[in-house]
N, C-alpha and C. Protein backbone atom coordinates (compact mmCIF):
# COMPACT_ATOMS: atom_id res chain seq x y z
N MET A 1 4.96 6.86 0.13
CA MET A 1 4.38 6.40 -1.11
C MET A 1 2.94 6.89 -1.25
N ILE A 2 2.20 6.83 -0.15
CA ILE A 2 0.80 7.24 -0.22
C ILE A 2 0.70 8.71 -0.59
N ALA A 3 1.53 9.54 0.02
CA ALA A 3 1.50 10.97 -0.27
C ALA A 3 1.79 11.23 -1.74
N ALA A 4 2.79 10.55 -2.29
CA ALA A 4 3.14 10.74 -3.70
C ALA A 4 2.02 10.25 -4.62
N THR A 5 1.38 9.16 -4.27
CA THR A 5 0.29 8.62 -5.08
C THR A 5 -0.90 9.58 -5.09
N ILE A 6 -1.29 10.07 -3.93
CA ILE A 6 -2.41 11.00 -3.84
C ILE A 6 -2.08 12.29 -4.58
N ARG A 7 -0.88 12.78 -4.39
CA ARG A 7 -0.46 14.02 -5.05
C ARG A 7 -0.52 13.89 -6.56
N GLU A 8 -0.01 12.81 -7.10
CA GLU A 8 -0.01 12.61 -8.55
C GLU A 8 -1.43 12.43 -9.07
N HIS A 9 -2.24 11.68 -8.35
CA HIS A 9 -3.64 11.51 -8.75
C HIS A 9 -4.34 12.87 -8.82
N ASN A 10 -4.18 13.68 -7.80
CA ASN A 10 -4.83 14.99 -7.78
C ASN A 10 -4.30 15.93 -8.85
N ARG A 11 -3.04 15.75 -9.23
CA ARG A 11 -2.46 16.57 -10.29
C ARG A 11 -3.05 16.22 -11.66
N ARG A 12 -3.36 14.94 -11.85
CA ARG A 12 -3.79 14.48 -13.16
C ARG A 12 -5.31 14.46 -13.37
N VAL A 13 -6.07 14.42 -12.30
CA VAL A 13 -7.51 14.20 -12.42
C VAL A 13 -8.27 15.46 -12.01
N ALA A 14 -9.29 15.78 -12.78
CA ALA A 14 -10.13 16.94 -12.47
C ALA A 14 -10.77 16.76 -11.10
N PRO A 15 -10.95 17.85 -10.36
CA PRO A 15 -11.50 17.74 -8.99
C PRO A 15 -12.79 16.92 -8.90
N ALA A 16 -13.69 17.07 -9.84
CA ALA A 16 -14.97 16.35 -9.77
C ALA A 16 -14.81 14.84 -9.94
N ALA A 17 -13.71 14.41 -10.57
CA ALA A 17 -13.51 12.98 -10.84
C ALA A 17 -12.53 12.32 -9.88
N ARG A 18 -12.04 13.05 -8.90
CA ARG A 18 -11.02 12.51 -8.00
C ARG A 18 -11.58 11.42 -7.10
N ILE A 19 -10.69 10.52 -6.76
CA ILE A 19 -11.00 9.44 -5.84
C ILE A 19 -11.06 9.99 -4.42
N ARG A 20 -12.03 9.54 -3.66
CA ARG A 20 -12.08 9.89 -2.24
C ARG A 20 -11.22 8.88 -1.51
N HIS A 21 -10.12 9.34 -0.95
CA HIS A 21 -9.22 8.47 -0.22
C HIS A 21 -9.61 8.43 1.25
N THR A 22 -9.62 7.25 1.82
CA THR A 22 -9.81 7.09 3.25
C THR A 22 -8.56 6.38 3.75
N LEU A 23 -7.76 7.10 4.49
CA LEU A 23 -6.49 6.57 4.94
C LEU A 23 -6.66 5.77 6.23
N VAL A 24 -6.06 4.59 6.24
CA VAL A 24 -6.11 3.70 7.41
C VAL A 24 -4.68 3.57 7.93
N HIS A 25 -4.49 3.90 9.19
CA HIS A 25 -3.17 3.78 9.83
C HIS A 25 -3.18 2.48 10.63
N THR A 26 -2.27 1.59 10.30
CA THR A 26 -2.28 0.27 10.93
C THR A 26 -1.78 0.27 12.36
N GLY A 27 -0.89 1.20 12.67
CA GLY A 27 -0.30 1.21 14.00
C GLY A 27 0.86 0.24 14.15
N GLN A 28 1.33 -0.33 13.03
CA GLN A 28 2.49 -1.21 13.08
C GLN A 28 3.70 -0.45 13.58
N HIS A 29 3.82 0.79 13.13
CA HIS A 29 4.93 1.64 13.55
C HIS A 29 4.35 2.69 14.49
N TYR A 30 4.57 2.53 15.76
CA TYR A 30 3.98 3.43 16.75
C TYR A 30 4.99 4.39 17.34
N ASP A 31 6.25 4.26 16.96
CA ASP A 31 7.27 5.21 17.36
C ASP A 31 7.05 6.49 16.54
N LYS A 32 7.13 7.65 17.18
CA LYS A 32 6.88 8.91 16.48
C LYS A 32 7.78 9.10 15.27
N ASN A 33 9.02 8.61 15.35
CA ASN A 33 9.94 8.75 14.22
C ASN A 33 9.60 7.83 13.06
N LEU A 34 8.78 6.84 13.30
CA LEU A 34 8.39 5.92 12.23
C LEU A 34 6.93 6.11 11.81
N SER A 35 6.24 7.05 12.41
CA SER A 35 4.82 7.21 12.12
C SER A 35 4.41 8.67 12.05
N ASP A 36 4.34 9.33 13.18
CA ASP A 36 3.81 10.70 13.24
C ASP A 36 4.57 11.66 12.34
N VAL A 37 5.87 11.44 12.19
CA VAL A 37 6.68 12.34 11.39
C VAL A 37 6.13 12.44 9.96
N PHE A 38 5.64 11.36 9.40
CA PHE A 38 5.13 11.38 8.03
C PHE A 38 3.84 12.19 7.93
N PHE A 39 2.97 12.03 8.91
CA PHE A 39 1.71 12.78 8.90
C PHE A 39 1.95 14.26 9.17
N ASN A 40 2.98 14.58 9.93
CA ASN A 40 3.28 15.97 10.25
C ASN A 40 4.03 16.67 9.13
N GLU A 41 4.88 15.95 8.41
CA GLU A 41 5.76 16.57 7.43
C GLU A 41 5.29 16.47 5.99
N LEU A 42 4.51 15.46 5.66
CA LEU A 42 4.08 15.26 4.28
C LEU A 42 2.62 15.67 4.11
N PRO A 43 2.25 16.02 2.88
CA PRO A 43 0.86 16.40 2.63
C PRO A 43 -0.04 15.16 2.55
N LEU A 44 -0.33 14.60 3.69
CA LEU A 44 -1.19 13.42 3.79
C LEU A 44 -2.51 13.80 4.44
N PRO A 45 -3.59 13.17 3.98
CA PRO A 45 -4.83 13.38 4.72
C PRO A 45 -4.70 12.70 6.09
N LYS A 46 -5.44 13.17 7.04
CA LYS A 46 -5.42 12.55 8.37
C LYS A 46 -6.01 11.14 8.25
N ALA A 47 -5.40 10.22 8.97
CA ALA A 47 -5.91 8.84 8.96
C ALA A 47 -7.30 8.82 9.62
N LYS A 48 -8.26 8.30 8.92
CA LYS A 48 -9.62 8.21 9.46
C LYS A 48 -9.74 7.07 10.46
N HIS A 49 -8.95 6.03 10.22
CA HIS A 49 -9.00 4.85 11.08
C HIS A 49 -7.62 4.56 11.64
N GLN A 50 -7.54 4.30 12.91
CA GLN A 50 -6.31 3.91 13.60
C GLN A 50 -6.51 2.49 14.09
N LEU A 51 -5.78 1.54 13.51
CA LEU A 51 -5.98 0.14 13.89
C LEU A 51 -5.23 -0.24 15.15
N GLY A 52 -4.18 0.47 15.49
CA GLY A 52 -3.45 0.24 16.73
C GLY A 52 -2.92 -1.17 16.90
N VAL A 53 -2.39 -1.74 15.85
CA VAL A 53 -1.95 -3.14 15.88
C VAL A 53 -0.67 -3.35 16.68
N GLY A 54 0.29 -2.47 16.54
CA GLY A 54 1.55 -2.64 17.25
C GLY A 54 2.37 -3.79 16.70
N SER A 55 3.31 -4.26 17.50
CA SER A 55 4.19 -5.33 17.04
C SER A 55 3.73 -6.67 17.60
N GLY A 56 4.42 -7.71 17.22
CA GLY A 56 4.11 -9.07 17.65
C GLY A 56 4.60 -10.05 16.62
N SER A 57 4.31 -11.31 16.82
CA SER A 57 4.70 -12.32 15.84
C SER A 57 3.96 -12.05 14.53
N HIS A 58 4.48 -12.60 13.44
CA HIS A 58 3.83 -12.39 12.14
C HIS A 58 2.37 -12.85 12.18
N GLY A 59 2.13 -14.01 12.77
CA GLY A 59 0.77 -14.54 12.82
C GLY A 59 -0.16 -13.66 13.64
N LYS A 60 0.30 -13.26 14.80
CA LYS A 60 -0.52 -12.42 15.68
C LYS A 60 -0.80 -11.07 15.03
N GLN A 61 0.23 -10.45 14.46
CA GLN A 61 0.06 -9.14 13.85
C GLN A 61 -0.84 -9.22 12.62
N THR A 62 -0.62 -10.22 11.77
CA THR A 62 -1.42 -10.35 10.55
C THR A 62 -2.88 -10.65 10.89
N ALA A 63 -3.11 -11.48 11.90
CA ALA A 63 -4.49 -11.79 12.31
C ALA A 63 -5.20 -10.54 12.81
N ALA A 64 -4.52 -9.74 13.63
CA ALA A 64 -5.12 -8.50 14.14
C ALA A 64 -5.40 -7.54 12.99
N LEU A 65 -4.46 -7.43 12.06
CA LEU A 65 -4.66 -6.56 10.90
C LEU A 65 -5.83 -7.03 10.05
N LEU A 66 -5.93 -8.32 9.82
CA LEU A 66 -7.02 -8.87 9.03
C LEU A 66 -8.37 -8.56 9.67
N GLU A 67 -8.48 -8.83 10.96
CA GLU A 67 -9.73 -8.60 11.67
C GLU A 67 -10.12 -7.11 11.66
N ARG A 68 -9.18 -6.25 11.97
CA ARG A 68 -9.49 -4.81 12.06
C ARG A 68 -9.71 -4.18 10.69
N THR A 69 -8.97 -4.66 9.69
CA THR A 69 -9.16 -4.14 8.33
C THR A 69 -10.52 -4.55 7.79
N GLU A 70 -10.94 -5.76 8.08
CA GLU A 70 -12.26 -6.20 7.65
C GLU A 70 -13.36 -5.28 8.19
N GLN A 71 -13.24 -4.89 9.45
CA GLN A 71 -14.23 -3.99 10.04
C GLN A 71 -14.24 -2.63 9.34
N VAL A 72 -13.06 -2.12 9.01
CA VAL A 72 -12.98 -0.84 8.30
C VAL A 72 -13.63 -0.96 6.92
N LEU A 73 -13.33 -2.04 6.22
CA LEU A 73 -13.90 -2.23 4.88
C LEU A 73 -15.43 -2.35 4.94
N LEU A 74 -15.93 -3.04 5.94
CA LEU A 74 -17.39 -3.14 6.10
C LEU A 74 -18.01 -1.78 6.37
N GLU A 75 -17.33 -0.98 7.19
CA GLU A 75 -17.84 0.36 7.53
C GLU A 75 -17.75 1.31 6.34
N GLU A 76 -16.64 1.30 5.63
CA GLU A 76 -16.40 2.25 4.55
C GLU A 76 -17.03 1.84 3.21
N ASP A 77 -17.16 0.54 2.97
CA ASP A 77 -17.71 0.01 1.72
C ASP A 77 -17.04 0.63 0.49
N PRO A 78 -15.71 0.49 0.36
CA PRO A 78 -15.01 1.13 -0.75
C PRO A 78 -15.22 0.39 -2.07
N ASP A 79 -15.00 1.11 -3.16
CA ASP A 79 -15.00 0.49 -4.49
C ASP A 79 -13.70 -0.28 -4.72
N VAL A 80 -12.60 0.25 -4.17
CA VAL A 80 -11.28 -0.34 -4.34
C VAL A 80 -10.50 -0.16 -3.05
N ALA A 81 -9.78 -1.20 -2.66
CA ALA A 81 -8.82 -1.10 -1.55
C ALA A 81 -7.44 -1.03 -2.17
N ILE A 82 -6.70 0.02 -1.85
CA ILE A 82 -5.34 0.18 -2.37
C ILE A 82 -4.37 -0.25 -1.29
N VAL A 83 -3.51 -1.21 -1.64
CA VAL A 83 -2.50 -1.69 -0.70
C VAL A 83 -1.12 -1.43 -1.31
N TYR A 84 -0.16 -1.17 -0.44
CA TYR A 84 1.17 -0.78 -0.86
C TYR A 84 2.20 -1.77 -0.34
N GLY A 85 3.19 -2.09 -1.19
CA GLY A 85 4.38 -2.78 -0.72
C GLY A 85 4.21 -4.23 -0.38
N ASP A 86 4.85 -4.64 0.75
CA ASP A 86 4.97 -6.06 1.06
C ASP A 86 4.92 -6.36 2.55
N THR A 87 4.26 -5.52 3.32
CA THR A 87 4.21 -5.71 4.76
C THR A 87 3.06 -6.64 5.16
N ASN A 88 3.01 -6.96 6.43
CA ASN A 88 1.89 -7.76 6.93
C ASN A 88 0.57 -7.03 6.72
N SER A 89 0.58 -5.71 6.82
CA SER A 89 -0.66 -4.95 6.58
C SER A 89 -1.08 -5.03 5.11
N THR A 90 -0.12 -5.15 4.21
CA THR A 90 -0.43 -5.28 2.79
C THR A 90 -1.20 -6.56 2.53
N VAL A 91 -0.68 -7.68 2.97
CA VAL A 91 -1.34 -8.96 2.70
C VAL A 91 -2.64 -9.08 3.49
N ALA A 92 -2.69 -8.55 4.70
CA ALA A 92 -3.93 -8.60 5.48
C ALA A 92 -5.01 -7.75 4.83
N GLY A 93 -4.63 -6.57 4.33
CA GLY A 93 -5.59 -5.72 3.63
C GLY A 93 -6.12 -6.37 2.37
N ALA A 94 -5.22 -7.00 1.62
CA ALA A 94 -5.64 -7.68 0.39
C ALA A 94 -6.55 -8.86 0.70
N LEU A 95 -6.21 -9.63 1.70
CA LEU A 95 -7.02 -10.80 2.04
C LEU A 95 -8.40 -10.37 2.55
N ALA A 96 -8.44 -9.36 3.40
CA ALA A 96 -9.73 -8.87 3.91
C ALA A 96 -10.60 -8.37 2.76
N ALA A 97 -10.00 -7.60 1.85
CA ALA A 97 -10.75 -7.07 0.71
C ALA A 97 -11.24 -8.20 -0.20
N ALA A 98 -10.38 -9.15 -0.49
CA ALA A 98 -10.76 -10.25 -1.38
C ALA A 98 -11.93 -11.04 -0.81
N LYS A 99 -11.90 -11.31 0.48
CA LYS A 99 -12.98 -12.08 1.11
C LYS A 99 -14.30 -11.30 1.12
N LEU A 100 -14.21 -9.96 1.09
CA LEU A 100 -15.43 -9.13 1.06
C LEU A 100 -15.80 -8.72 -0.37
N LYS A 101 -15.07 -9.26 -1.34
CA LYS A 101 -15.31 -8.97 -2.75
C LYS A 101 -15.13 -7.49 -3.09
N VAL A 102 -14.15 -6.87 -2.45
CA VAL A 102 -13.75 -5.49 -2.76
C VAL A 102 -12.55 -5.58 -3.69
N ARG A 103 -12.60 -4.83 -4.78
CA ARG A 103 -11.47 -4.84 -5.72
C ARG A 103 -10.21 -4.37 -5.01
N ILE A 104 -9.07 -4.92 -5.43
CA ILE A 104 -7.78 -4.63 -4.80
C ILE A 104 -6.83 -4.07 -5.84
N ALA A 105 -6.19 -2.96 -5.49
CA ALA A 105 -5.12 -2.39 -6.31
C ALA A 105 -3.83 -2.50 -5.50
N HIS A 106 -2.83 -3.16 -6.07
CA HIS A 106 -1.55 -3.34 -5.38
C HIS A 106 -0.50 -2.45 -6.04
N ILE A 107 0.00 -1.50 -5.27
CA ILE A 107 1.07 -0.62 -5.73
C ILE A 107 2.40 -1.23 -5.29
N GLU A 108 3.33 -1.31 -6.22
CA GLU A 108 4.61 -2.00 -6.10
C GLU A 108 4.44 -3.50 -6.34
N ALA A 109 3.54 -3.84 -7.22
CA ALA A 109 3.29 -5.24 -7.56
C ALA A 109 4.45 -5.83 -8.36
N GLY A 110 4.57 -7.14 -8.30
CA GLY A 110 5.53 -7.87 -9.12
C GLY A 110 6.96 -7.89 -8.62
N LEU A 111 7.27 -7.20 -7.55
CA LEU A 111 8.63 -7.23 -7.04
C LEU A 111 8.89 -8.59 -6.40
N ARG A 112 10.05 -9.14 -6.64
CA ARG A 112 10.38 -10.46 -6.11
C ARG A 112 11.83 -10.52 -5.66
N SER A 113 12.05 -11.23 -4.57
CA SER A 113 13.41 -11.56 -4.13
C SER A 113 13.70 -13.02 -4.48
N PHE A 114 12.65 -13.81 -4.70
CA PHE A 114 12.73 -15.25 -4.95
C PHE A 114 13.26 -16.00 -3.74
N ASN A 115 13.11 -15.42 -2.57
CA ASN A 115 13.52 -16.05 -1.32
C ASN A 115 12.28 -16.24 -0.45
N ARG A 116 11.70 -17.43 -0.50
CA ARG A 116 10.48 -17.71 0.25
C ARG A 116 10.70 -17.78 1.75
N LEU A 117 11.94 -17.67 2.21
CA LEU A 117 12.21 -17.61 3.65
C LEU A 117 11.93 -16.21 4.21
N MET A 118 11.81 -15.23 3.32
CA MET A 118 11.50 -13.85 3.73
C MET A 118 9.99 -13.69 3.85
N PRO A 119 9.49 -13.25 5.01
CA PRO A 119 8.04 -13.02 5.15
C PRO A 119 7.51 -12.04 4.10
N GLU A 120 8.31 -11.03 3.74
CA GLU A 120 7.87 -10.05 2.75
C GLU A 120 7.63 -10.69 1.39
N GLU A 121 8.42 -11.70 1.05
CA GLU A 121 8.23 -12.38 -0.24
C GLU A 121 6.89 -13.10 -0.27
N LEU A 122 6.55 -13.74 0.83
CA LEU A 122 5.24 -14.41 0.91
C LEU A 122 4.12 -13.39 0.79
N ASN A 123 4.28 -12.24 1.45
CA ASN A 123 3.28 -11.17 1.37
C ASN A 123 3.13 -10.66 -0.05
N ARG A 124 4.24 -10.47 -0.77
CA ARG A 124 4.22 -9.97 -2.15
C ARG A 124 3.45 -10.92 -3.07
N VAL A 125 3.83 -12.18 -3.01
CA VAL A 125 3.23 -13.16 -3.91
C VAL A 125 1.74 -13.30 -3.64
N ALA A 126 1.36 -13.46 -2.38
CA ALA A 126 -0.06 -13.62 -2.03
C ALA A 126 -0.85 -12.39 -2.45
N THR A 127 -0.33 -11.21 -2.17
CA THR A 127 -1.04 -9.97 -2.50
C THR A 127 -1.23 -9.84 -4.00
N ASP A 128 -0.19 -10.13 -4.77
CA ASP A 128 -0.31 -10.03 -6.22
C ASP A 128 -1.38 -10.98 -6.76
N HIS A 129 -1.43 -12.17 -6.23
CA HIS A 129 -2.40 -13.14 -6.73
C HIS A 129 -3.83 -12.85 -6.28
N LEU A 130 -4.00 -12.05 -5.25
CA LEU A 130 -5.32 -11.62 -4.81
C LEU A 130 -5.80 -10.36 -5.51
N SER A 131 -4.88 -9.59 -6.09
CA SER A 131 -5.19 -8.25 -6.59
C SER A 131 -5.86 -8.25 -7.95
N ASP A 132 -6.70 -7.23 -8.13
CA ASP A 132 -7.40 -7.01 -9.40
C ASP A 132 -6.64 -6.08 -10.32
N LEU A 133 -5.91 -5.15 -9.73
CA LEU A 133 -5.11 -4.18 -10.47
C LEU A 133 -3.70 -4.22 -9.90
N LEU A 134 -2.72 -4.40 -10.77
CA LEU A 134 -1.34 -4.53 -10.31
C LEU A 134 -0.50 -3.43 -10.95
N PHE A 135 0.01 -2.54 -10.12
CA PHE A 135 0.80 -1.40 -10.57
C PHE A 135 2.27 -1.70 -10.29
N CYS A 136 3.01 -1.94 -11.37
CA CYS A 136 4.40 -2.39 -11.28
C CYS A 136 5.38 -1.24 -11.45
N PRO A 137 6.44 -1.24 -10.63
CA PRO A 137 7.43 -0.17 -10.73
C PRO A 137 8.43 -0.36 -11.87
N THR A 138 8.63 -1.60 -12.34
CA THR A 138 9.66 -1.87 -13.34
C THR A 138 9.19 -2.91 -14.34
N GLU A 139 9.89 -2.97 -15.48
CA GLU A 139 9.64 -4.01 -16.48
C GLU A 139 9.90 -5.39 -15.88
N THR A 140 10.91 -5.49 -15.03
CA THR A 140 11.21 -6.77 -14.38
C THR A 140 10.02 -7.24 -13.55
N ALA A 141 9.37 -6.34 -12.85
CA ALA A 141 8.20 -6.70 -12.05
C ALA A 141 7.08 -7.21 -12.95
N VAL A 142 6.89 -6.58 -14.11
CA VAL A 142 5.88 -7.04 -15.07
C VAL A 142 6.22 -8.46 -15.53
N ARG A 143 7.49 -8.72 -15.84
CA ARG A 143 7.92 -10.06 -16.27
C ARG A 143 7.73 -11.09 -15.16
N ASN A 144 8.00 -10.69 -13.92
CA ASN A 144 7.81 -11.62 -12.80
C ASN A 144 6.35 -12.07 -12.72
N LEU A 145 5.43 -11.13 -12.88
CA LEU A 145 4.01 -11.50 -12.84
C LEU A 145 3.64 -12.39 -14.02
N LYS A 146 4.18 -12.10 -15.18
CA LYS A 146 3.91 -12.92 -16.36
C LYS A 146 4.36 -14.36 -16.13
N ARG A 147 5.54 -14.54 -15.51
CA ARG A 147 6.04 -15.89 -15.21
C ARG A 147 5.10 -16.63 -14.25
N GLU A 148 4.37 -15.87 -13.44
CA GLU A 148 3.42 -16.48 -12.50
C GLU A 148 2.01 -16.60 -13.09
N GLY A 149 1.88 -16.28 -14.37
CA GLY A 149 0.59 -16.44 -15.04
C GLY A 149 -0.32 -15.23 -14.94
N ILE A 150 0.18 -14.12 -14.44
CA ILE A 150 -0.64 -12.91 -14.34
C ILE A 150 -0.24 -12.00 -15.49
N THR A 151 -1.11 -11.90 -16.50
CA THR A 151 -0.76 -11.15 -17.70
C THR A 151 -1.72 -10.00 -18.00
N ASN A 152 -2.91 -10.03 -17.45
CA ASN A 152 -3.80 -8.89 -17.67
C ASN A 152 -3.95 -8.14 -16.36
N ARG A 153 -4.52 -6.97 -16.42
CA ARG A 153 -4.71 -6.08 -15.27
C ARG A 153 -3.39 -5.64 -14.64
N VAL A 154 -2.31 -5.69 -15.44
CA VAL A 154 -0.96 -5.33 -15.01
C VAL A 154 -0.58 -4.02 -15.70
N PHE A 155 -0.09 -3.06 -14.92
CA PHE A 155 0.27 -1.75 -15.45
C PHE A 155 1.67 -1.37 -15.00
N LEU A 156 2.50 -0.98 -15.97
CA LEU A 156 3.83 -0.47 -15.66
C LEU A 156 3.67 1.02 -15.36
N THR A 157 3.88 1.38 -14.11
CA THR A 157 3.62 2.76 -13.68
C THR A 157 4.86 3.52 -13.25
N GLY A 158 5.95 2.84 -13.03
CA GLY A 158 7.14 3.49 -12.50
C GLY A 158 7.22 3.27 -11.00
N ASP A 159 8.30 3.74 -10.45
CA ASP A 159 8.63 3.49 -9.05
C ASP A 159 8.10 4.61 -8.16
N VAL A 160 7.00 4.33 -7.46
CA VAL A 160 6.37 5.34 -6.61
C VAL A 160 7.27 5.73 -5.44
N MET A 161 8.13 4.83 -4.99
CA MET A 161 9.06 5.16 -3.91
C MET A 161 10.07 6.20 -4.40
N LEU A 162 10.60 6.01 -5.59
CA LEU A 162 11.51 6.99 -6.17
C LEU A 162 10.78 8.32 -6.38
N ASP A 163 9.56 8.26 -6.88
CA ASP A 163 8.78 9.48 -7.07
C ASP A 163 8.59 10.22 -5.75
N ALA A 164 8.33 9.48 -4.69
CA ALA A 164 8.15 10.10 -3.37
C ALA A 164 9.43 10.78 -2.91
N VAL A 165 10.55 10.10 -3.07
CA VAL A 165 11.84 10.67 -2.65
C VAL A 165 12.12 11.95 -3.44
N LEU A 166 11.92 11.91 -4.75
CA LEU A 166 12.20 13.08 -5.58
C LEU A 166 11.24 14.23 -5.32
N SER A 167 9.97 13.92 -5.16
CA SER A 167 8.99 15.00 -4.99
C SER A 167 9.07 15.66 -3.63
N PHE A 168 9.54 14.93 -2.62
CA PHE A 168 9.63 15.51 -1.29
C PHE A 168 11.06 15.85 -0.89
N ARG A 169 11.97 15.83 -1.86
CA ARG A 169 13.36 16.19 -1.59
C ARG A 169 13.49 17.60 -1.00
N PRO A 170 12.71 18.58 -1.48
CA PRO A 170 12.82 19.92 -0.86
C PRO A 170 12.52 19.92 0.64
N LEU A 171 11.64 19.06 1.10
CA LEU A 171 11.38 18.96 2.53
C LEU A 171 12.60 18.48 3.28
N GLN A 172 13.32 17.53 2.70
CA GLN A 172 14.53 17.00 3.32
C GLN A 172 15.59 18.09 3.41
N LYS A 173 15.77 18.84 2.34
CA LYS A 173 16.79 19.89 2.33
C LYS A 173 16.48 20.95 3.38
N SER A 174 15.21 21.34 3.49
CA SER A 174 14.86 22.38 4.46
C SER A 174 15.00 21.86 5.89
N ALA A 175 14.77 20.58 6.11
CA ALA A 175 14.91 20.00 7.45
C ALA A 175 16.37 19.95 7.89
N LEU A 176 17.26 19.81 6.93
CA LEU A 176 18.69 19.72 7.24
C LEU A 176 19.33 21.08 7.46
N GLU A 177 18.66 22.12 7.04
CA GLU A 177 19.25 23.47 7.16
C GLU A 177 19.09 24.04 8.54
């Protein structure tokens, strides 16, 4: 998703007006097949920060992510923190940014399963309510936010995951040959 977002931004915006991205790698996925492969195969900038969080209970992992993300935000002093999806790193990044008064942009906002037993659902809802800019993949996601009282700062942008799959399909075909 990050590669597709950066690629589309760079396609649409003049070089002088482009956002300076600072990529933070959480270390949640430390297996090469779940991490390094993306940096090696996709046009991603190198991660400037490696948080090295690894696995653990939700509480332990989220606490480590919150603490380490806060340090990165203090060091980088960004105008906006962009968080993606519904992982523990998503909610930890949003919470760290909110507490430091850094604007938050949530990509894939408004998605709901309506199952509060799923940790991802809790992450989605909390992140959306902390975010300043909400980029929704579908009309349904926009309606979900409206039902929760979030009606401004919401943008229907399309499905960045689908965009990523379609834009990097040639890489998949060449890898299979």
